[in-house]
N, C-alpha and C. Protein backbone atom coordinates (compact mmCIF):
# COMPACT_ATOMS: atom_id res chain seq x y z
N UNK A 1 196.32 290.47 -53.92
CA UNK A 1 196.36 289.03 -54.17
C UNK A 1 195.54 288.71 -55.40
N UNK A 2 196.03 287.85 -56.21
CA UNK A 2 195.35 287.46 -57.45
C UNK A 2 194.07 286.71 -57.12
N UNK A 3 193.00 287.05 -57.83
CA UNK A 3 191.71 286.39 -57.63
C UNK A 3 191.79 284.95 -58.13
N UNK A 4 191.36 284.03 -57.32
CA UNK A 4 191.36 282.62 -57.70
C UNK A 4 190.13 282.32 -58.53
N UNK A 5 190.30 281.47 -59.51
CA UNK A 5 189.18 281.07 -60.35
C UNK A 5 188.22 280.21 -59.53
N UNK A 6 186.95 280.37 -59.78
CA UNK A 6 185.94 279.63 -59.04
C UNK A 6 185.29 278.57 -59.93
N UNK A 7 186.07 277.97 -60.82
CA UNK A 7 185.50 277.04 -61.77
C UNK A 7 185.65 275.58 -61.38
N UNK A 8 186.10 275.29 -60.19
CA UNK A 8 186.24 273.91 -59.75
C UNK A 8 185.09 273.56 -58.83
N UNK A 9 184.17 272.75 -59.31
CA UNK A 9 183.00 272.41 -58.51
C UNK A 9 183.34 271.47 -57.36
N UNK A 10 184.50 270.82 -57.42
CA UNK A 10 184.84 269.89 -56.35
C UNK A 10 185.35 270.59 -55.11
N UNK A 11 185.79 271.85 -55.26
CA UNK A 11 186.29 272.59 -54.12
C UNK A 11 187.73 272.28 -53.77
N UNK A 12 188.39 271.43 -54.54
CA UNK A 12 189.80 271.12 -54.26
C UNK A 12 189.92 270.23 -53.03
N UNK A 13 191.13 270.19 -52.46
CA UNK A 13 191.39 269.35 -51.29
C UNK A 13 191.88 270.21 -50.15
N UNK A 14 191.48 269.83 -48.95
CA UNK A 14 191.92 270.59 -47.79
C UNK A 14 193.10 269.93 -47.09
N UNK A 15 193.40 268.68 -47.42
CA UNK A 15 194.54 268.02 -46.79
C UNK A 15 195.12 266.98 -47.73
N UNK A 16 196.31 266.44 -47.36
CA UNK A 16 196.93 265.50 -48.28
C UNK A 16 196.19 264.18 -48.36
N UNK A 17 195.38 263.83 -47.39
CA UNK A 17 194.58 262.62 -47.45
C UNK A 17 193.55 262.66 -48.56
N UNK A 18 193.17 263.85 -49.01
CA UNK A 18 192.19 264.00 -50.08
C UNK A 18 192.71 263.54 -51.43
N UNK A 19 193.97 263.18 -51.53
CA UNK A 19 194.53 262.74 -52.79
C UNK A 19 194.60 261.23 -52.90
N UNK A 20 194.22 260.51 -51.86
CA UNK A 20 194.29 259.06 -51.88
C UNK A 20 193.44 258.50 -53.02
N UNK A 21 193.97 257.52 -53.69
CA UNK A 21 193.22 256.85 -54.73
C UNK A 21 193.36 257.46 -56.11
N UNK A 22 194.07 258.55 -56.26
CA UNK A 22 194.24 259.18 -57.57
C UNK A 22 195.25 258.41 -58.39
N UNK A 23 194.99 258.27 -59.66
CA UNK A 23 195.95 257.68 -60.59
C UNK A 23 196.16 258.67 -61.72
N UNK A 24 197.22 258.53 -62.51
CA UNK A 24 197.42 259.44 -63.63
C UNK A 24 196.23 259.49 -64.57
N UNK A 25 195.49 258.40 -64.70
CA UNK A 25 194.32 258.41 -65.57
C UNK A 25 193.21 259.28 -65.00
N UNK A 26 193.12 259.36 -63.66
CA UNK A 26 192.10 260.18 -63.01
C UNK A 26 192.47 261.64 -63.01
N UNK A 27 193.74 261.95 -62.90
CA UNK A 27 194.19 263.32 -62.82
C UNK A 27 195.61 263.39 -62.35
N UNK A 28 196.24 264.52 -62.48
CA UNK A 28 197.67 264.61 -62.24
C UNK A 28 198.14 264.77 -60.81
N UNK A 29 197.39 265.32 -59.87
CA UNK A 29 198.04 265.68 -58.61
C UNK A 29 198.30 264.52 -57.66
N UNK A 30 199.52 264.43 -57.20
CA UNK A 30 199.86 263.57 -56.07
C UNK A 30 200.85 264.36 -55.22
N UNK A 31 200.96 264.02 -53.98
CA UNK A 31 201.84 264.75 -53.09
C UNK A 31 202.85 263.81 -52.47
N UNK A 32 204.09 264.22 -52.47
CA UNK A 32 205.14 263.49 -51.78
C UNK A 32 205.89 264.51 -50.94
N UNK A 33 206.22 264.17 -49.73
CA UNK A 33 206.87 265.12 -48.82
C UNK A 33 208.37 264.88 -48.82
N UNK A 34 209.13 265.76 -49.47
CA UNK A 34 210.59 265.63 -49.49
C UNK A 34 211.19 266.07 -48.17
N UNK A 35 210.68 267.14 -47.63
CA UNK A 35 211.10 267.64 -46.32
C UNK A 35 209.87 268.14 -45.61
N UNK A 36 209.97 268.35 -44.33
CA UNK A 36 208.82 268.86 -43.59
C UNK A 36 208.45 270.28 -44.01
N UNK A 37 209.44 271.04 -44.49
CA UNK A 37 209.20 272.44 -44.81
C UNK A 37 208.78 272.68 -46.26
N UNK A 38 208.97 271.71 -47.14
CA UNK A 38 208.70 271.93 -48.56
C UNK A 38 207.72 270.87 -49.06
N UNK A 39 206.52 271.28 -49.45
CA UNK A 39 205.54 270.32 -49.95
C UNK A 39 205.62 270.15 -51.46
N UNK A 40 206.38 269.17 -51.98
CA UNK A 40 206.42 268.96 -53.42
C UNK A 40 205.13 268.34 -53.92
N UNK A 41 204.70 268.75 -55.07
CA UNK A 41 203.53 268.19 -55.72
C UNK A 41 204.00 267.58 -57.03
N UNK A 42 203.56 266.37 -57.34
CA UNK A 42 203.98 265.71 -58.57
C UNK A 42 202.78 265.60 -59.50
N UNK A 43 202.99 266.01 -60.74
CA UNK A 43 201.97 265.87 -61.76
C UNK A 43 202.31 264.73 -62.69
N UNK A 44 201.30 264.06 -63.24
CA UNK A 44 201.52 262.96 -64.16
C UNK A 44 200.43 262.96 -65.22
N UNK A 45 200.70 262.36 -66.35
CA UNK A 45 199.71 262.26 -67.41
C UNK A 45 199.60 263.56 -68.20
N UNK A 46 198.37 263.94 -68.54
CA UNK A 46 198.11 265.16 -69.28
C UNK A 46 197.36 266.16 -68.41
N UNK A 47 197.71 267.42 -68.53
CA UNK A 47 196.99 268.48 -67.82
C UNK A 47 195.93 269.03 -68.75
N UNK A 48 194.75 268.46 -68.69
CA UNK A 48 193.66 268.91 -69.53
C UNK A 48 192.42 269.16 -68.70
N UNK A 49 191.59 270.08 -69.11
CA UNK A 49 190.29 270.33 -68.51
C UNK A 49 190.29 270.33 -66.99
N UNK A 50 189.45 269.47 -66.42
CA UNK A 50 189.30 269.41 -64.96
C UNK A 50 190.58 268.99 -64.26
N UNK A 51 191.41 268.17 -64.91
CA UNK A 51 192.67 267.78 -64.29
C UNK A 51 193.54 269.00 -64.03
N UNK A 52 193.59 269.92 -64.99
CA UNK A 52 194.38 271.13 -64.82
C UNK A 52 193.82 271.99 -63.69
N UNK A 53 192.50 272.08 -63.61
CA UNK A 53 191.86 272.87 -62.55
C UNK A 53 192.13 272.24 -61.19
N UNK A 54 191.99 270.93 -61.09
CA UNK A 54 192.22 270.25 -59.82
C UNK A 54 193.68 270.35 -59.40
N UNK A 55 194.58 270.23 -60.36
CA UNK A 55 195.99 270.37 -60.04
C UNK A 55 196.27 271.78 -59.53
N UNK A 56 195.76 272.79 -60.21
CA UNK A 56 195.95 274.18 -59.78
C UNK A 56 195.44 274.37 -58.35
N UNK A 57 194.26 273.85 -58.06
CA UNK A 57 193.70 274.01 -56.72
C UNK A 57 194.49 273.26 -55.67
N UNK A 58 195.04 272.10 -56.02
CA UNK A 58 195.90 271.36 -55.10
C UNK A 58 197.13 272.19 -54.76
N UNK A 59 197.74 272.78 -55.77
CA UNK A 59 198.93 273.60 -55.54
C UNK A 59 198.56 274.85 -54.74
N UNK A 60 197.41 275.45 -55.00
CA UNK A 60 196.96 276.59 -54.20
C UNK A 60 196.90 276.22 -52.71
N UNK A 61 196.42 275.02 -52.41
CA UNK A 61 196.36 274.55 -51.02
C UNK A 61 197.76 274.53 -50.41
N UNK A 62 198.73 274.05 -51.17
CA UNK A 62 200.10 273.99 -50.66
C UNK A 62 200.73 275.37 -50.57
N UNK A 63 200.38 276.25 -51.47
CA UNK A 63 200.88 277.62 -51.38
C UNK A 63 200.36 278.29 -50.11
N UNK A 64 199.13 278.00 -49.76
CA UNK A 64 198.54 278.60 -48.55
C UNK A 64 199.25 278.11 -47.29
N UNK A 65 199.83 276.91 -47.33
CA UNK A 65 200.52 276.34 -46.16
C UNK A 65 202.01 276.66 -46.14
N UNK A 66 202.57 277.00 -47.27
CA UNK A 66 204.01 277.16 -47.38
C UNK A 66 204.45 278.55 -46.93
N UNK A 67 205.67 278.61 -46.43
CA UNK A 67 206.23 279.90 -46.06
C UNK A 67 207.35 280.33 -46.99
N UNK A 68 207.96 279.36 -47.71
CA UNK A 68 209.12 279.71 -48.52
C UNK A 68 209.09 279.18 -49.94
N UNK A 69 208.74 277.92 -50.11
CA UNK A 69 208.94 277.30 -51.42
C UNK A 69 207.95 276.16 -51.64
N UNK A 70 207.47 276.05 -52.88
CA UNK A 70 206.69 274.90 -53.33
C UNK A 70 207.39 274.35 -54.56
N UNK A 71 207.58 273.04 -54.59
CA UNK A 71 208.23 272.37 -55.71
C UNK A 71 207.17 271.55 -56.44
N UNK A 72 207.11 271.75 -57.77
CA UNK A 72 206.18 270.99 -58.60
C UNK A 72 207.00 270.11 -59.53
N UNK A 73 206.89 268.81 -59.34
CA UNK A 73 207.64 267.84 -60.14
C UNK A 73 206.77 267.44 -61.34
N UNK A 74 207.17 267.89 -62.52
CA UNK A 74 206.40 267.64 -63.73
C UNK A 74 207.11 266.67 -64.67
N UNK A 75 208.11 265.97 -64.18
CA UNK A 75 208.84 265.04 -65.04
C UNK A 75 207.94 263.97 -65.65
N UNK A 76 206.90 263.44 -64.93
CA UNK A 76 206.05 262.41 -65.53
C UNK A 76 205.01 262.93 -66.53
N UNK A 77 204.93 264.24 -66.73
CA UNK A 77 203.92 264.80 -67.62
C UNK A 77 204.17 264.33 -69.05
N UNK A 78 203.09 263.89 -69.72
CA UNK A 78 203.20 263.42 -71.10
C UNK A 78 202.73 264.46 -72.10
N UNK A 79 201.90 265.41 -71.67
CA UNK A 79 201.42 266.47 -72.55
C UNK A 79 200.98 267.66 -71.70
N UNK A 80 201.23 268.85 -72.21
CA UNK A 80 200.83 270.07 -71.52
C UNK A 80 200.12 270.98 -72.52
N UNK A 81 198.80 270.75 -72.71
CA UNK A 81 198.05 271.60 -73.61
C UNK A 81 197.78 272.97 -72.99
N UNK A 82 197.05 273.81 -73.71
CA UNK A 82 196.84 275.20 -73.30
C UNK A 82 196.22 275.34 -71.92
N UNK A 83 195.26 274.48 -71.55
CA UNK A 83 194.65 274.63 -70.23
C UNK A 83 195.63 274.27 -69.12
N UNK A 84 196.56 273.37 -69.38
CA UNK A 84 197.61 273.06 -68.41
C UNK A 84 198.59 274.21 -68.27
N UNK A 85 198.95 274.84 -69.38
CA UNK A 85 199.82 276.01 -69.33
C UNK A 85 199.14 277.12 -68.54
N UNK A 86 197.85 277.34 -68.80
CA UNK A 86 197.10 278.38 -68.07
C UNK A 86 197.09 278.10 -66.57
N UNK A 87 196.93 276.83 -66.17
CA UNK A 87 196.94 276.48 -64.75
C UNK A 87 198.30 276.78 -64.13
N UNK A 88 199.38 276.45 -64.84
CA UNK A 88 200.72 276.73 -64.31
C UNK A 88 200.98 278.24 -64.22
N UNK A 89 200.49 279.00 -65.17
CA UNK A 89 200.65 280.46 -65.12
C UNK A 89 199.87 281.01 -63.92
N UNK A 90 198.64 280.54 -63.70
CA UNK A 90 197.87 280.96 -62.52
C UNK A 90 198.65 280.66 -61.24
N UNK A 91 199.24 279.47 -61.17
CA UNK A 91 200.02 279.07 -59.99
C UNK A 91 201.22 279.99 -59.81
N UNK A 92 201.90 280.33 -60.90
CA UNK A 92 203.07 281.21 -60.81
C UNK A 92 202.68 282.58 -60.26
N UNK A 93 201.57 283.13 -60.73
CA UNK A 93 201.13 284.44 -60.23
C UNK A 93 200.68 284.36 -58.77
N UNK A 94 200.00 283.29 -58.42
CA UNK A 94 199.55 283.12 -57.03
C UNK A 94 200.75 283.03 -56.10
N UNK A 95 201.76 282.25 -56.47
CA UNK A 95 202.97 282.13 -55.66
C UNK A 95 203.67 283.47 -55.56
N UNK A 96 203.79 284.17 -56.68
CA UNK A 96 204.44 285.49 -56.67
C UNK A 96 203.71 286.47 -55.79
N UNK A 97 202.39 286.49 -55.86
CA UNK A 97 201.60 287.39 -55.02
C UNK A 97 201.75 287.08 -53.54
N UNK A 98 201.96 285.79 -53.22
CA UNK A 98 202.11 285.38 -51.82
C UNK A 98 203.56 285.48 -51.35
N UNK A 99 204.49 285.79 -52.27
CA UNK A 99 205.89 285.88 -51.89
C UNK A 99 206.53 284.53 -51.61
N UNK A 100 206.03 283.49 -52.28
CA UNK A 100 206.51 282.12 -52.09
C UNK A 100 207.26 281.68 -53.35
N UNK A 101 208.43 281.08 -53.16
CA UNK A 101 209.18 280.57 -54.29
C UNK A 101 208.47 279.39 -54.91
N UNK A 102 208.54 279.32 -56.22
CA UNK A 102 207.92 278.22 -56.95
C UNK A 102 208.97 277.64 -57.88
N UNK A 103 209.23 276.35 -57.74
CA UNK A 103 210.20 275.66 -58.60
C UNK A 103 209.49 274.55 -59.36
N UNK A 104 209.75 274.49 -60.66
CA UNK A 104 209.27 273.38 -61.46
C UNK A 104 210.43 272.42 -61.68
N UNK A 105 210.14 271.14 -61.61
CA UNK A 105 211.12 270.11 -61.93
C UNK A 105 210.66 269.48 -63.23
N UNK A 106 211.47 269.61 -64.27
CA UNK A 106 211.06 269.10 -65.58
C UNK A 106 212.16 268.31 -66.26
N UNK A 107 213.12 267.83 -65.51
CA UNK A 107 214.16 267.00 -66.07
C UNK A 107 215.18 267.77 -66.89
N UNK A 108 216.10 267.05 -67.48
CA UNK A 108 217.18 267.67 -68.26
C UNK A 108 216.90 267.70 -69.75
N UNK A 109 215.92 266.96 -70.21
CA UNK A 109 215.62 266.84 -71.63
C UNK A 109 214.94 268.11 -72.14
N UNK A 110 215.55 268.76 -73.14
CA UNK A 110 214.97 269.98 -73.70
C UNK A 110 213.70 269.71 -74.49
N UNK A 111 213.43 268.44 -74.82
CA UNK A 111 212.23 268.07 -75.55
C UNK A 111 211.09 267.67 -74.63
N UNK A 112 211.25 267.88 -73.33
CA UNK A 112 210.19 267.54 -72.38
C UNK A 112 208.96 268.37 -72.69
N UNK A 113 207.76 267.79 -72.62
CA UNK A 113 206.53 268.51 -72.97
C UNK A 113 206.32 269.80 -72.18
N UNK A 114 206.75 269.85 -70.93
CA UNK A 114 206.55 271.05 -70.12
C UNK A 114 207.36 272.22 -70.67
N UNK A 115 208.66 271.99 -70.86
CA UNK A 115 209.50 273.06 -71.39
C UNK A 115 209.06 273.51 -72.76
N UNK A 116 208.71 272.56 -73.62
CA UNK A 116 208.26 272.90 -74.97
C UNK A 116 206.99 273.75 -74.94
N UNK A 117 206.02 273.36 -74.12
CA UNK A 117 204.74 274.09 -74.06
C UNK A 117 204.91 275.48 -73.45
N UNK A 118 205.69 275.57 -72.36
CA UNK A 118 205.89 276.88 -71.73
C UNK A 118 206.68 277.81 -72.65
N UNK A 119 207.65 277.27 -73.36
CA UNK A 119 208.44 278.08 -74.31
C UNK A 119 207.55 278.55 -75.46
N UNK A 120 206.73 277.65 -76.01
CA UNK A 120 205.85 277.99 -77.12
C UNK A 120 204.82 279.06 -76.73
N UNK A 121 204.38 279.01 -75.47
CA UNK A 121 203.40 279.99 -74.99
C UNK A 121 204.06 281.31 -74.60
N UNK A 122 205.38 281.34 -74.56
CA UNK A 122 206.09 282.56 -74.20
C UNK A 122 206.08 282.88 -72.72
N UNK A 123 205.90 281.86 -71.88
CA UNK A 123 205.81 282.10 -70.43
C UNK A 123 206.89 281.38 -69.64
N UNK A 124 207.87 280.80 -70.31
CA UNK A 124 208.91 280.05 -69.61
C UNK A 124 209.65 280.91 -68.59
N UNK A 125 209.79 282.21 -68.86
CA UNK A 125 210.50 283.11 -67.94
C UNK A 125 209.78 283.30 -66.60
N UNK A 126 208.53 282.89 -66.50
CA UNK A 126 207.80 282.99 -65.22
C UNK A 126 208.26 281.93 -64.22
N UNK A 127 208.99 280.93 -64.69
CA UNK A 127 209.27 279.75 -63.87
C UNK A 127 210.75 279.54 -63.63
N UNK A 128 211.04 279.00 -62.45
CA UNK A 128 212.37 278.57 -62.06
C UNK A 128 212.37 277.06 -62.28
N UNK A 129 213.01 276.60 -63.36
CA UNK A 129 212.96 275.19 -63.74
C UNK A 129 214.26 274.49 -63.35
N UNK A 130 214.12 273.30 -62.74
CA UNK A 130 215.25 272.52 -62.27
C UNK A 130 215.19 271.11 -62.85
N UNK A 131 216.34 270.43 -62.93
CA UNK A 131 216.36 269.08 -63.48
C UNK A 131 215.84 268.00 -62.53
N UNK A 132 215.90 268.25 -61.22
CA UNK A 132 215.44 267.26 -60.24
C UNK A 132 215.05 267.96 -58.94
N UNK A 133 214.32 267.27 -58.06
CA UNK A 133 213.89 267.90 -56.80
C UNK A 133 215.04 268.38 -55.92
N UNK A 134 216.16 267.66 -55.92
CA UNK A 134 217.30 268.09 -55.10
C UNK A 134 217.81 269.45 -55.53
N UNK A 135 217.88 269.67 -56.83
CA UNK A 135 218.33 270.97 -57.34
C UNK A 135 217.35 272.06 -56.94
N UNK A 136 216.07 271.76 -56.95
CA UNK A 136 215.05 272.74 -56.54
C UNK A 136 215.21 273.06 -55.06
N UNK A 137 215.42 272.05 -54.24
CA UNK A 137 215.55 272.27 -52.80
C UNK A 137 216.80 273.07 -52.46
N UNK A 138 217.82 273.00 -53.29
CA UNK A 138 219.04 273.79 -53.04
C UNK A 138 218.77 275.29 -53.14
N UNK A 139 217.64 275.69 -53.73
CA UNK A 139 217.32 277.12 -53.79
C UNK A 139 217.03 277.67 -52.40
N UNK A 140 216.78 276.78 -51.42
CA UNK A 140 216.55 277.23 -50.04
C UNK A 140 217.84 277.62 -49.35
N UNK A 141 218.96 277.16 -49.87
CA UNK A 141 220.25 277.40 -49.21
C UNK A 141 220.77 278.77 -49.57
């Protein structure tokens, strides 16, 4: 199993109630439950510094609870700098090590910041990218 980074002093969240009160200005992670079996996580704003770390730790929590698939909806993302790319790469390896499917939702626009950043970093092949959450959920069928 991939070693998790210990650089988040907040310790992350242990349940979905720990995300109450977050706004895109505070950080990206929010959780919406599409189905009982799949915990989608939605990111918004920019993935920088502590926001990227907190988002990564939030997704780690969902990976620990999931048996098949985690969906990350990144359509609202406005920028994905290097620390955000690094967080997504960590998440991809963690999911792979746990044998859990990981789907990114980044819309249909090829100019979306997520696709552009992952392509520029040379890591786009690590991810299963879908245009919307429904398309991601169809990977369960």
